[in-house]
Amino acid sequence: SSGINAEYGCDSNLTLIKGGGGCQLQEKIVAACGKKMVVIADYRKKSSCLGEQWKKGIPIEVIPMAYIPVMKKLQNYGLDPVLRMAANKAGPVVTDNGNFVIDAKFSAPHNWDLLETKLSRTPGVVETGLFVGYANVAYFGMEDGSVSVLHKPSV
């Protein structure tokens, strides 16, 4: 089966940032279950480097009791973490799984594969919105109405 998905940022290697709505875990499960992941987005999501267009950082779902130590670790990884606060209620955003979301902003490109490994090995991190190696092809609707296609680079 194939998964068709939108995202918040996509670089030339098809590394994605997704899960801005706080569903990183569910989105990663869906992506991992498919044989092929197809991304559909508009031209504003296409970047040569991750973070050129999407400036809100990598959404990271964390266990509530661990958010402070996780934020300290994220700073050690060169990220600028911010606990996402709810707009219509007091306190942080709570995911469907009862966890918090940290938006980890970055100012420079990283080795995304290495960063994803570090994040997934950080106690308290449930899942990240960094999708490394999942997408096979991306279709971008361009401003002039044309479609730009980006294929997964061969290894």
Protein backbone atom coordinates (compact mmCIF):
# COMPACT_ATOMS: atom_id res chain seq x y z
CA SER A 1 0.00 0.00 0.00
CA SER A 2 1.04 3.59 -0.54
CA GLY A 3 0.62 6.59 1.69
CA ILE A 4 -0.11 10.01 0.26
CA ASN A 5 0.79 12.79 2.62
CA ALA A 6 1.39 16.49 2.98
CA GLU A 7 4.21 18.02 4.99
CA TYR A 8 5.61 21.29 6.34
CA GLY A 9 9.03 21.19 4.77
CA CYS A 10 10.86 18.99 2.29
CA ASP A 11 14.50 19.19 1.26
CA SER A 12 16.21 17.92 -1.89
CA ASN A 13 16.81 14.51 -0.25
CA LEU A 14 13.08 14.16 0.60
CA THR A 15 13.75 14.61 4.30
CA LEU A 16 10.50 15.96 5.73
CA ILE A 17 9.20 17.85 8.71
CA LYS A 18 5.65 16.74 9.53
CA GLY A 19 3.33 16.54 12.48
CA GLY A 20 2.81 20.23 13.13
CA GLY A 21 -0.68 19.32 14.30
CA GLY A 22 0.78 17.16 17.07
CA CYS A 23 0.25 13.72 15.53
CA GLN A 24 3.89 12.77 14.95
CA LEU A 25 3.50 9.22 16.28
CA GLN A 26 0.40 8.42 14.22
CA GLU A 27 1.90 9.96 11.08
CA LYS A 28 5.14 8.02 11.49
CA ILE A 29 3.21 4.75 11.97
CA VAL A 30 1.21 5.37 8.80
CA ALA A 31 4.38 6.25 6.86
CA ALA A 32 6.18 3.12 8.09
CA CYS A 33 3.29 0.81 7.19
CA GLY A 34 3.15 1.77 3.52
CA LYS A 35 5.36 0.34 0.79
CA LYS A 36 5.72 3.77 -0.75
CA MET A 37 5.26 7.30 0.59
CA VAL A 38 4.11 9.95 -1.86
CA VAL A 39 4.22 13.59 -0.79
CA ILE A 40 1.91 16.21 -2.27
CA ALA A 41 2.54 19.85 -1.39
CA ASP A 42 2.58 23.32 -2.83
CA TYR A 43 5.70 25.18 -3.92
CA ARG A 44 6.09 26.89 -0.53
CA LYS A 45 7.09 23.56 1.09
CA LYS A 46 9.92 22.76 -1.34
CA SER A 47 13.41 23.66 -0.10
CA SER A 48 16.95 22.79 -1.02
CA CYS A 49 17.70 22.70 2.73
CA LEU A 50 15.25 21.80 5.47
CA GLY A 51 14.11 24.89 7.33
CA GLU A 52 14.27 27.36 4.45
CA GLN A 53 10.48 27.62 4.34
CA TRP A 54 9.18 26.03 7.58
CA LYS A 55 10.50 28.16 10.46
CA LYS A 56 8.64 26.63 13.42
CA GLY A 57 11.12 23.80 13.94
CA ILE A 58 10.77 20.05 14.35
CA PRO A 59 7.73 19.02 16.39
CA ILE A 60 8.73 16.47 19.03
CA GLU A 61 6.19 14.57 21.13
CA VAL A 62 7.42 14.05 24.70
CA ILE A 63 6.20 12.43 27.91
CA PRO A 64 4.97 15.31 30.14
CA MET A 65 7.22 14.46 33.11
CA ALA A 66 10.28 14.52 30.82
CA TYR A 67 9.80 17.75 28.91
CA ILE A 68 12.32 19.80 30.92
CA PRO A 69 15.21 17.28 30.69
CA VAL A 70 14.35 16.69 27.01
CA MET A 71 14.49 20.43 26.34
CA LYS A 72 17.96 20.56 27.94
CA LYS A 73 19.13 17.69 25.72
CA LEU A 74 17.73 19.43 22.65
CA GLN A 75 19.77 22.51 23.49
CA ASN A 76 22.86 20.28 23.70
CA TYR A 77 22.02 19.04 20.18
CA GLY A 78 22.13 22.64 18.89
CA LEU A 79 18.36 23.12 18.81
CA ASP A 80 16.22 25.88 20.32
CA PRO A 81 13.31 24.07 22.02
CA VAL A 82 10.00 25.72 22.91
CA LEU A 83 7.14 23.96 24.68
CA ARG A 84 4.10 24.43 22.44
CA MET A 85 1.35 26.26 24.32
CA ALA A 86 -2.35 25.87 23.57
CA ALA A 87 -4.18 28.75 21.92
CA ASN A 88 -7.64 28.25 23.40
CA LYS A 89 -6.83 26.92 26.87
CA ALA A 90 -4.26 27.50 29.57
CA GLY A 91 -1.17 25.32 29.42
CA PRO A 92 0.67 23.27 26.83
CA VAL A 93 -0.78 21.48 23.83
CA VAL A 94 -1.68 17.90 24.72
CA THR A 95 -1.52 15.25 21.97
CA ASP A 96 -4.08 12.51 21.41
CA ASN A 97 -1.70 10.29 23.39
CA GLY A 98 -1.70 12.64 26.40
CA ASN A 99 1.81 13.97 25.73
CA PHE A 100 3.33 17.42 25.17
CA VAL A 101 4.83 18.86 21.98
CA ILE A 102 8.15 20.68 21.87
CA ASP A 103 8.96 22.67 18.74
CA ALA A 104 12.73 22.39 18.25
CA LYS A 105 13.87 25.29 16.11
CA PHE A 106 17.18 25.21 14.27
CA SER A 107 19.20 27.85 12.47
CA ALA A 108 21.51 25.69 10.38
CA PRO A 109 21.22 22.39 8.50
CA HIS A 110 22.03 19.27 10.48
CA ASN A 111 22.94 15.72 9.62
CA TRP A 112 19.25 14.82 9.80
CA ASP A 113 19.79 11.07 10.01
CA LEU A 114 22.16 11.49 12.98
CA LEU A 115 19.86 14.00 14.65
CA GLU A 116 16.87 11.66 14.25
CA THR A 117 18.90 8.88 15.90
CA LYS A 118 19.89 11.16 18.80
CA LEU A 119 16.32 12.31 19.29
CA SER A 120 14.86 8.80 19.23
CA ARG A 121 17.43 7.71 21.83
CA THR A 122 16.57 10.58 24.16
CA PRO A 123 14.57 9.29 27.17
CA GLY A 124 11.14 10.92 27.20
CA VAL A 125 10.91 11.47 23.45
CA VAL A 126 7.91 9.56 22.07
CA GLU A 127 8.35 10.51 18.40
CA THR A 128 9.59 13.31 16.19
CA GLY A 129 8.22 15.09 13.15
CA LEU A 130 11.52 14.52 11.34
CA PHE A 131 10.96 11.97 8.57
CA VAL A 132 14.29 10.75 7.22
CA GLY A 133 14.20 8.16 4.42
CA TYR A 134 10.41 7.66 4.31
CA ALA A 135 9.33 9.55 1.18
CA ASN A 136 9.84 8.03 -2.27
CA VAL A 137 8.57 10.89 -4.43
CA ALA A 138 7.21 14.40 -3.93
CA TYR A 139 4.89 16.37 -6.20
CA PHE A 140 4.86 20.13 -5.76
CA GLY A 141 2.15 22.32 -7.23
CA MET A 142 4.05 25.35 -8.49
CA GLU A 143 2.83 28.94 -8.49
CA ASP A 144 2.39 28.93 -12.27
CA GLY A 145 0.17 25.80 -12.15
CA SER A 146 2.86 23.35 -13.23
CA VAL A 147 3.96 20.34 -11.15
CA SER A 148 7.55 19.79 -10.02
CA VAL A 149 8.49 16.18 -9.21
CA LEU A 150 11.29 15.20 -6.84
CA HIS A 151 12.38 11.56 -6.57
CA LYS A 152 14.23 9.93 -3.69
CA PRO A 153 17.97 10.10 -4.43
CA SER A 154 19.59 6.76 -5.20
CA VAL A 155 21.99 5.57 -2.57
